Amino acid sequence: MNNQTRIAIITGASRGMGRDTALRLAQRGISSIITYNTGRGEADEVVQAIRQAGAQAVALQLDVGQAASFEHFTANVRKALEILGAVRFDYLVNNAGISSAATLADGTEVELDTQFAVHFKGPYLLTQALLPLMNDGGRIVNISSGLARFAFPGRTIYGPMKAAIEALTRYMALELGPRGISANVVAPGAIATDFSDGIVRDNPEVNKALASHTALGRVGGPEDVGPVVASLLSDEFGWVNAQRIEVAGGIHI
């Protein structure tokens, strides 16, 4: 299949790692359906950047924490595929997420339910809804976190939710194997974005502390993660399945 006909769906791609992933794919000639929650202007800018790179793109609104909207979203995906000259897509990147600083002592039921809806229920049911539109031989990449492997104060809900998506990925790989669809996890470490109110990017003390625990001596950026996700979607990585790849510069090793 020619790369020009290949299409990725990337959730939460209006900024950060999702944005970088979409742009890396565009450089490979792969078009994207990107989603945004509230940042329509940012999403439009990503669409323009993808087009400038020589690929095509459509931006769709999606709140991955609202599973009741997935039927409507899937209908919009069908329309977007028509715009892109296709009836099916090839790659799904479940990237969208929200932060949580809850501890065991102060975590609430509301926050627990919200994190579950976004980081497990959402990817589970969204993948389920989109599978009929996915080509056999496609690829799924779920975004986890280094916090699924090591513990850090104030991530008592977030870390376990990411561990759950890692377990789900293995089950995806098992059940979708007969269709030739692989599923893998990319687990970023500390990344300098606006995630978690930009604490890694904007707080020098936090940035320095995390860098001191990282073998390569710095925190990461979106440009460290996007190429890895894009590579996992390439033909060269077609035999990699049900694996967790931590993209963290060697943090807490």
C-alpha atoms as a PDB file:
ATOM      1  CA  MET A   1       0.000   0.000   0.000  1.00  0.00           C
ATOM      2  CA  ASN A   2       1.339   3.419  -0.940  1.00  0.00           C
ATOM      3  CA  ASN A   3       1.950   5.745   2.004  1.00  0.00           C
ATOM      4  CA  GLN A   4      -0.095   8.436   0.275  1.00  0.00           C
ATOM      5  CA  THR A   5      -3.216   6.365   0.864  1.00  0.00           C
ATOM      6  CA  ARG A   6      -2.532   5.705   4.543  1.00  0.00           C
ATOM      7  CA  ILE A   7      -4.445   7.546   7.240  1.00  0.00           C
ATOM      8  CA  ALA A   8      -3.937   7.852  10.998  1.00  0.00           C
ATOM      9  CA  ILE A   9      -6.393   8.904  13.677  1.00  0.00           C
ATOM     10  CA  ILE A  10      -4.605  10.674  16.526  1.00  0.00           C
ATOM     11  CA  THR A  11      -6.516  11.820  19.583  1.00  0.00           C
ATOM     12  CA  GLY A  12      -5.396  14.934  21.413  1.00  0.00           C
ATOM     13  CA  ALA A  13      -3.243  16.115  18.515  1.00  0.00           C
ATOM     14  CA  SER A  14      -3.790  19.861  18.696  1.00  0.00           C
ATOM     15  CA  ARG A  15      -0.579  20.266  20.707  1.00  0.00           C
ATOM     16  CA  GLY A  16       2.258  18.444  22.461  1.00  0.00           C
ATOM     17  CA  MET A  17       3.123  14.849  21.638  1.00  0.00           C
ATOM     18  CA  GLY A  18       0.026  14.289  19.529  1.00  0.00           C
ATOM     19  CA  ARG A  19       0.869  17.280  17.373  1.00  0.00           C
ATOM     20  CA  ASP A  20       4.450  16.152  16.901  1.00  0.00           C
ATOM     21  CA  THR A  21       3.284  12.653  15.981  1.00  0.00           C
ATOM     22  CA  ALA A  22       0.931  14.005  13.322  1.00  0.00           C
ATOM     23  CA  LEU A  23       3.689  16.141  11.826  1.00  0.00           C
ATOM     24  CA  ARG A  24       6.177  13.250  11.804  1.00  0.00           C
ATOM     25  CA  LEU A  25       3.626  11.112   9.993  1.00  0.00           C
ATOM     26  CA  ALA A  26       2.987  13.911   7.504  1.00  0.00           C
ATOM     27  CA  GLN A  27       6.690  13.922   6.676  1.00  0.00           C
ATOM     28  CA  ARG A  28       6.248  10.249   5.748  1.00  0.00           C
ATOM     29  CA  GLY A  29       3.302  11.072   3.510  1.00  0.00           C
ATOM     30  CA  ILE A  30       0.672   9.810   5.938  1.00  0.00           C
ATOM     31  CA  SER A  31      -2.505  11.847   6.335  1.00  0.00           C
ATOM     32  CA  SER A  32      -4.287  12.271   9.654  1.00  0.00           C
ATOM     33  CA  ILE A  33      -7.611  12.792  11.300  1.00  0.00           C
ATOM     34  CA  ILE A  34      -6.637  14.685  14.427  1.00  0.00           C
ATOM     35  CA  THR A  35      -8.870  15.378  17.399  1.00  0.00           C
ATOM     36  CA  TYR A  36      -9.012  18.280  19.805  1.00  0.00           C
ATOM     37  CA  ASN A  37     -11.163  18.913  22.841  1.00  0.00           C
ATOM     38  CA  THR A  38     -11.329  22.709  23.145  1.00  0.00           C
ATOM     39  CA  GLY A  39      -8.352  23.991  21.133  1.00  0.00           C
ATOM     40  CA  ARG A  40      -9.949  24.420  17.716  1.00  0.00           C
ATOM     41  CA  GLY A  41      -7.533  27.187  16.706  1.00  0.00           C
ATOM     42  CA  GLU A  42      -4.518  25.072  17.612  1.00  0.00           C
ATOM     43  CA  ALA A  43      -5.973  22.105  15.742  1.00  0.00           C
ATOM     44  CA  ASP A  44      -6.464  24.223  12.615  1.00  0.00           C
ATOM     45  CA  GLU A  45      -2.821  25.260  12.826  1.00  0.00           C
ATOM     46  CA  VAL A  46      -1.774  21.604  12.964  1.00  0.00           C
ATOM     47  CA  VAL A  47      -3.923  20.846   9.913  1.00  0.00           C
ATOM     48  CA  GLN A  48      -2.182  23.634   8.022  1.00  0.00           C
ATOM     49  CA  ALA A  49       1.248  22.381   9.096  1.00  0.00           C
ATOM     50  CA  ILE A  50       0.378  18.861   7.929  1.00  0.00           C
ATOM     51  CA  ARG A  51      -0.708  20.190   4.552  1.00  0.00           C
ATOM     52  CA  GLN A  52       2.478  22.204   4.244  1.00  0.00           C
ATOM     53  CA  ALA A  53       4.381  18.973   4.853  1.00  0.00           C
ATOM     54  CA  GLY A  54       2.628  17.409   1.871  1.00  0.00           C
ATOM     55  CA  ALA A  55      -0.079  15.308   3.519  1.00  0.00           C
ATOM     56  CA  GLN A  56      -3.782  15.875   4.182  1.00  0.00           C
ATOM     57  CA  ALA A  57      -5.613  16.338   7.471  1.00  0.00           C
ATOM     58  CA  VAL A  58      -9.005  16.884   9.032  1.00  0.00           C
ATOM     59  CA  ALA A  59      -9.590  18.096  12.612  1.00  0.00           C
ATOM     60  CA  LEU A  60     -12.554  16.755  14.590  1.00  0.00           C
ATOM     61  CA  GLN A  61     -13.755  17.713  18.061  1.00  0.00           C
ATOM     62  CA  LEU A  62     -13.703  14.895  20.616  1.00  0.00           C
ATOM     63  CA  ASP A  63     -13.798  14.606  24.376  1.00  0.00           C
ATOM     64  CA  VAL A  64     -12.465  11.104  25.016  1.00  0.00           C
ATOM     65  CA  GLY A  65     -14.023  11.192  28.469  1.00  0.00           C
ATOM     66  CA  GLN A  66     -17.518  11.314  26.975  1.00  0.00           C
ATOM     67  CA  ALA A  67     -18.150   7.827  25.600  1.00  0.00           C
ATOM     68  CA  ALA A  68     -21.739   8.705  24.691  1.00  0.00           C
ATOM     69  CA  SER A  69     -20.336  10.908  21.904  1.00  0.00           C
ATOM     70  CA  PHE A  70     -18.393   8.134  20.191  1.00  0.00           C
ATOM     71  CA  GLU A  71     -21.209   7.069  17.861  1.00  0.00           C
ATOM     72  CA  HIS A  72     -21.505  10.628  16.564  1.00  0.00           C
ATOM     73  CA  PHE A  73     -17.720  10.916  16.354  1.00  0.00           C
ATOM     74  CA  THR A  74     -17.508   7.709  14.315  1.00  0.00           C
ATOM     75  CA  ALA A  75     -20.033   9.139  11.872  1.00  0.00           C
ATOM     76  CA  ASN A  76     -17.838  12.232  11.579  1.00  0.00           C
ATOM     77  CA  VAL A  77     -14.824  10.005  10.956  1.00  0.00           C
ATOM     78  CA  ARG A  78     -16.667   8.417   8.030  1.00  0.00           C
ATOM     79  CA  LYS A  79     -17.234  11.878   6.556  1.00  0.00           C
ATOM     80  CA  ALA A  80     -13.603  12.853   7.177  1.00  0.00           C
ATOM     81  CA  LEU A  81     -12.405   9.708   5.427  1.00  0.00           C
ATOM     82  CA  GLU A  82     -14.494  10.681   2.399  1.00  0.00           C
ATOM     83  CA  ILE A  83     -12.788  14.069   2.370  1.00  0.00           C
ATOM     84  CA  LEU A  84      -9.440  12.282   2.436  1.00  0.00           C
ATOM     85  CA  GLY A  85     -10.509   9.983  -0.401  1.00  0.00           C
ATOM     86  CA  ALA A  86     -10.767   6.803   1.668  1.00  0.00           C
ATOM     87  CA  VAL A  87     -13.309   4.567   3.366  1.00  0.00           C
ATOM     88  CA  ARG A  88     -11.002   3.124   6.026  1.00  0.00           C
ATOM     89  CA  PHE A  89      -8.023   4.208   8.085  1.00  0.00           C
ATOM     90  CA  ASP A  90      -4.810   2.411   9.026  1.00  0.00           C
ATOM     91  CA  TYR A  91      -3.441   3.687  12.328  1.00  0.00           C
ATOM     92  CA  LEU A  92      -4.944   4.676  15.672  1.00  0.00           C
ATOM     93  CA  VAL A  93      -2.986   6.594  18.299  1.00  0.00           C
ATOM     94  CA  ASN A  94      -4.825   6.872  21.620  1.00  0.00           C
ATOM     95  CA  ASN A  95      -2.907   9.883  22.895  1.00  0.00           C
ATOM     96  CA  ALA A  96      -5.420  12.230  24.548  1.00  0.00           C
ATOM     97  CA  GLY A  97      -5.142  12.508  28.312  1.00  0.00           C
ATOM     98  CA  ILE A  98      -5.519  14.726  31.344  1.00  0.00           C
ATOM     99  CA  SER A  99      -3.346  15.124  34.413  1.00  0.00           C
ATOM    100  CA  SER A 100      -4.081  14.270  38.021  1.00  0.00           C
ATOM    101  CA  ALA A 101      -2.106  15.174  41.130  1.00  0.00           C
ATOM    102  CA  ALA A 102      -4.215  13.113  43.528  1.00  0.00           C
ATOM    103  CA  THR A 103      -2.708  11.207  46.426  1.00  0.00           C
ATOM    104  CA  LEU A 104      -4.241   8.236  48.201  1.00  0.00           C
ATOM    105  CA  ALA A 105      -5.254  10.582  51.021  1.00  0.00           C
ATOM    106  CA  ASP A 106      -7.007  13.247  48.956  1.00  0.00           C
ATOM    107  CA  GLY A 107      -8.172  11.509  45.770  1.00  0.00           C
ATOM    108  CA  THR A 108     -11.908  11.784  45.248  1.00  0.00           C
ATOM    109  CA  GLU A 109     -14.438   9.513  43.606  1.00  0.00           C
ATOM    110  CA  VAL A 110     -15.119  12.197  40.998  1.00  0.00           C
ATOM    111  CA  GLU A 111     -11.450  12.444  40.042  1.00  0.00           C
ATOM    112  CA  LEU A 112     -11.101   8.666  39.980  1.00  0.00           C
ATOM    113  CA  ASP A 113     -14.102   8.380  37.654  1.00  0.00           C
ATOM    114  CA  THR A 114     -12.808  11.184  35.428  1.00  0.00           C
ATOM    115  CA  GLN A 115      -9.362   9.613  35.078  1.00  0.00           C
ATOM    116  CA  PHE A 116     -10.922   6.227  34.345  1.00  0.00           C
ATOM    117  CA  ALA A 117     -13.200   7.737  31.700  1.00  0.00           C
ATOM    118  CA  VAL A 118     -10.332   9.438  29.874  1.00  0.00           C
ATOM    119  CA  HIS A 119      -7.476   6.969  30.257  1.00  0.00           C
ATOM    120  CA  PHE A 120      -9.148   3.563  30.124  1.00  0.00           C
ATOM    121  CA  LYS A 121     -12.849   3.615  29.301  1.00  0.00           C
ATOM    122  CA  GLY A 122     -12.314   6.163  26.533  1.00  0.00           C
ATOM    123  CA  PRO A 123      -9.537   4.328  24.655  1.00  0.00           C
ATOM    124  CA  TYR A 124     -11.336   1.007  25.146  1.00  0.00           C
ATOM    125  CA  LEU A 125     -14.690   2.118  23.770  1.00  0.00           C
ATOM    126  CA  LEU A 126     -13.273   4.461  21.132  1.00  0.00           C
ATOM    127  CA  THR A 127     -11.082   1.705  19.728  1.00  0.00           C
ATOM    128  CA  GLN A 128     -14.085  -0.612  19.773  1.00  0.00           C
ATOM    129  CA  ALA A 129     -16.194   1.941  17.885  1.00  0.00           C
ATOM    130  CA  LEU A 130     -13.517   2.597  15.255  1.00  0.00           C
ATOM    131  CA  LEU A 131     -12.419  -0.987  14.568  1.00  0.00           C
ATOM    132  CA  PRO A 132     -15.018  -1.551  11.806  1.00  0.00           C
ATOM    133  CA  LEU A 133     -13.404   1.346   9.911  1.00  0.00           C
ATOM    134  CA  MET A 134      -9.819   0.144  10.423  1.00  0.00           C
ATOM    135  CA  ASN A 135      -7.958  -1.721   7.719  1.00  0.00           C
ATOM    136  CA  ASP A 136      -6.706  -5.213   8.447  1.00  0.00           C
ATOM    137  CA  GLY A 137      -2.957  -5.030   9.018  1.00  0.00           C
ATOM    138  CA  GLY A 138      -3.336  -1.720  10.826  1.00  0.00           C
ATOM    139  CA  ARG A 139      -1.561  -0.508  13.933  1.00  0.00           C
ATOM    140  CA  ILE A 140      -2.602   0.808  17.333  1.00  0.00           C
ATOM    141  CA  VAL A 141      -0.332   2.778  19.649  1.00  0.00           C
ATOM    142  CA  ASN A 142      -1.589   3.640  23.125  1.00  0.00           C
ATOM    143  CA  ILE A 143       0.176   6.349  25.108  1.00  0.00           C
ATOM    144  CA  SER A 144       1.026   5.418  28.687  1.00  0.00           C
ATOM    145  CA  SER A 145       3.539   6.988  31.066  1.00  0.00           C
ATOM    146  CA  GLY A 146       6.743   6.177  32.880  1.00  0.00           C
ATOM    147  CA  LEU A 147       4.563   6.526  35.983  1.00  0.00           C
ATOM    148  CA  ALA A 148       3.088   3.116  35.204  1.00  0.00           C
ATOM    149  CA  ARG A 149       6.536   1.636  35.997  1.00  0.00           C
ATOM    150  CA  PHE A 150       7.826   3.848  38.809  1.00  0.00           C
ATOM    151  CA  ALA A 151       5.951   5.694  41.548  1.00  0.00           C
ATOM    152  CA  PHE A 152       6.038   9.458  42.053  1.00  0.00           C
ATOM    153  CA  PRO A 153       4.257  11.500  44.740  1.00  0.00           C
ATOM    154  CA  GLY A 154       0.864  12.839  43.749  1.00  0.00           C
ATOM    155  CA  ARG A 155       0.198  10.436  40.896  1.00  0.00           C
ATOM    156  CA  THR A 156      -1.721   7.778  42.806  1.00  0.00           C
ATOM    157  CA  ILE A 157      -4.652   7.772  40.378  1.00  0.00           C
ATOM    158  CA  TYR A 158      -2.885   8.753  37.154  1.00  0.00           C
ATOM    159  CA  GLY A 159      -0.093   6.154  37.335  1.00  0.00           C
ATOM    160  CA  PRO A 160      -2.349   3.139  37.915  1.00  0.00           C
ATOM    161  CA  MET A 161      -4.682   4.275  35.112  1.00  0.00           C
ATOM    162  CA  LYS A 162      -1.739   4.264  32.737  1.00  0.00           C
ATOM    163  CA  ALA A 163      -0.756   0.816  33.972  1.00  0.00           C
ATOM    164  CA  ALA A 164      -4.272  -0.297  33.076  1.00  0.00           C
ATOM    165  CA  ILE A 165      -3.944   0.914  29.477  1.00  0.00           C
ATOM    166  CA  GLU A 166      -0.708  -1.050  29.205  1.00  0.00           C
ATOM    167  CA  ALA A 167      -2.511  -4.237  30.221  1.00  0.00           C
ATOM    168  CA  LEU A 168      -5.348  -3.444  27.806  1.00  0.00           C
ATOM    169  CA  THR A 169      -2.827  -3.064  24.989  1.00  0.00           C
ATOM    170  CA  ARG A 170      -1.671  -6.641  25.402  1.00  0.00           C
ATOM    171  CA  TYR A 171      -5.257  -7.844  25.187  1.00  0.00           C
ATOM    172  CA  MET A 172      -5.788  -5.715  22.083  1.00  0.00           C
ATOM    173  CA  ALA A 173      -2.753  -7.334  20.478  1.00  0.00           C
ATOM    174  CA  LEU A 174      -4.070 -10.792  21.310  1.00  0.00           C
ATOM    175  CA  GLU A 175      -7.617 -10.264  20.095  1.00  0.00           C
ATOM    176  CA  LEU A 176      -6.759  -8.252  16.978  1.00  0.00           C
ATOM    177  CA  GLY A 177      -3.954 -10.558  15.862  1.00  0.00           C
ATOM    178  CA  PRO A 178      -6.240 -12.514  13.503  1.00  0.00           C
ATOM    179  CA  ARG A 179      -6.815  -9.264  11.592  1.00  0.00           C
ATOM    180  CA  GLY A 180      -3.102  -8.550  11.437  1.00  0.00           C
ATOM    181  CA  ILE A 181      -3.512  -5.488  13.652  1.00  0.00           C
ATOM    182  CA  SER A 182      -0.683  -4.872  16.128  1.00  0.00           C
ATOM    183  CA  ALA A 183      -0.966  -2.921  19.371  1.00  0.00           C
ATOM    184  CA  ASN A 184       1.890  -1.384  21.319  1.00  0.00           C
ATOM    185  CA  VAL A 185       2.458   1.125  24.122  1.00  0.00           C
ATOM    186  CA  VAL A 186       4.698   4.179  24.160  1.00  0.00           C
ATOM    187  CA  ALA A 187       5.400   5.354  27.716  1.00  0.00           C
ATOM    188  CA  PRO A 188       6.928   8.854  27.856  1.00  0.00           C
ATOM    189  CA  GLY A 189       8.859  10.049  30.872  1.00  0.00           C
ATOM    190  CA  ALA A 190       8.981  13.685  31.984  1.00  0.00           C
ATOM    191  CA  ILE A 191       8.065  15.763  28.927  1.00  0.00           C
ATOM    192  CA  ALA A 192       8.217  19.566  28.696  1.00  0.00           C
ATOM    193  CA  THR A 193       4.719  20.451  27.476  1.00  0.00           C
ATOM    194  CA  ASP A 194       1.696  22.264  28.919  1.00  0.00           C
ATOM    195  CA  PHE A 195       0.509  18.974  30.441  1.00  0.00           C
ATOM    196  CA  SER A 196      -0.049  19.170  34.205  1.00  0.00           C
ATOM    197  CA  ASP A 197      -0.143  22.973  33.934  1.00  0.00           C
ATOM    198  CA  GLY A 198       3.284  22.947  32.296  1.00  0.00           C
ATOM    199  CA  ILE A 199       5.066  21.995  35.511  1.00  0.00           C
ATOM    200  CA  VAL A 200       7.922  20.147  33.785  1.00  0.00           C
ATOM    201  CA  ARG A 201       8.368  22.847  31.158  1.00  0.00           C
ATOM    202  CA  ASP A 202       7.873  25.969  33.267  1.00  0.00           C
ATOM    203  CA  ASN A 203       9.104  25.123  36.775  1.00  0.00           C
ATOM    204  CA  PRO A 204      12.939  25.225  36.767  1.00  0.00           C
ATOM    205  CA  GLU A 205      13.232  23.318  40.042  1.00  0.00           C
ATOM    206  CA  VAL A 206      11.004  20.482  38.879  1.00  0.00           C
ATOM    207  CA  ASN A 207      12.740  20.389  35.516  1.00  0.00           C
ATOM    208  CA  LYS A 208      16.177  20.203  37.134  1.00  0.00           C
ATOM    209  CA  ALA A 209      15.114  17.558  39.647  1.00  0.00           C
ATOM    210  CA  LEU A 210      13.661  15.286  36.988  1.00  0.00           C
ATOM    211  CA  ALA A 211      16.697  15.774  34.763  1.00  0.00           C
ATOM    212  CA  SER A 212      18.937  14.727  37.668  1.00  0.00           C
ATOM    213  CA  HIS A 213      17.135  11.375  37.836  1.00  0.00           C
ATOM    214  CA  THR A 214      17.488  10.794  34.078  1.00  0.00           C
ATOM    215  CA  ALA A 215      20.509   9.017  32.647  1.00  0.00           C
ATOM    216  CA  LEU A 216      20.728  11.373  29.666  1.00  0.00           C
ATOM    217  CA  GLY A 217      20.582  14.401  31.956  1.00  0.00           C
ATOM    218  CA  ARG A 218      17.527  16.260  30.701  1.00  0.00           C
ATOM    219  CA  VAL A 219      13.762  16.061  30.440  1.00  0.00           C
ATOM    220  CA  GLY A 220      12.182  15.194  27.112  1.00  0.00           C
ATOM    221  CA  GLY A 221      10.173  17.157  24.603  1.00  0.00           C
ATOM    222  CA  PRO A 222       7.399  16.269  22.157  1.00  0.00           C
ATOM    223  CA  GLU A 223      10.067  15.924  19.483  1.00  0.00           C
ATOM    224  CA  ASP A 224      11.510  12.987  21.431  1.00  0.00           C
ATOM    225  CA  VAL A 225       8.221  11.088  21.445  1.00  0.00           C
ATOM    226  CA  GLY A 226       6.571  11.795  18.093  1.00  0.00           C
ATOM    227  CA  PRO A 227       9.247  10.042  16.010  1.00  0.00           C
ATOM    228  CA  VAL A 228       8.976   6.902  18.137  1.00  0.00           C
ATOM    229  CA  VAL A 229       5.219   6.677  17.665  1.00  0.00           C
ATOM    230  CA  ALA A 230       5.575   7.328  13.946  1.00  0.00           C
ATOM    231  CA  SER A 231       8.244   4.646  13.686  1.00  0.00           C
ATOM    232  CA  LEU A 232       6.039   2.082  15.433  1.00  0.00           C
ATOM    233  CA  LEU A 233       3.458   2.703  12.729  1.00  0.00           C
ATOM    234  CA  SER A 234       5.966   2.069   9.948  1.00  0.00           C
ATOM    235  CA  ASP A 235       6.454  -1.148   8.000  1.00  0.00           C
ATOM    236  CA  GLU A 236       9.882  -1.603   9.583  1.00  0.00           C
ATOM    237  CA  PHE A 237       8.244  -2.201  12.972  1.00  0.00           C
ATOM    238  CA  GLY A 238       5.545  -4.508  11.684  1.00  0.00           C
ATOM    239  CA  TRP A 239       6.749  -7.485  13.743  1.00  0.00           C
ATOM    240  CA  VAL A 240       6.749  -5.533  17.024  1.00  0.00           C
ATOM    241  CA  ASN A 241       3.563  -6.338  18.910  1.00  0.00           C
ATOM    242  CA  ALA A 242       2.213  -6.150  22.482  1.00  0.00           C
ATOM    243  CA  GLN A 243       5.326  -4.257  23.603  1.00  0.00           C
ATOM    244  CA  ARG A 244       5.923  -1.343  25.956  1.00  0.00           C
ATOM    245  CA  ILE A 245       8.522   1.162  24.818  1.00  0.00           C
ATOM    246  CA  GLU A 246       9.522   3.734  27.418  1.00  0.00           C
ATOM    247  CA  VAL A 247      10.694   6.991  25.874  1.00  0.00           C
ATOM    248  CA  ALA A 248      12.206   8.646  28.897  1.00  0.00           C
ATOM    249  CA  GLY A 249      15.946   9.078  28.485  1.00  0.00           C
ATOM    250  CA  GLY A 250      16.587   6.505  31.186  1.00  0.00           C
ATOM    251  CA  ILE A 251      14.643   7.973  34.110  1.00  0.00           C
ATOM    252  CA  HIS A 252      14.705   6.062  37.413  1.00  0.00           C
ATOM    253  CA  ILE A 253      16.677   3.119  36.036  1.00  0.00           C
END
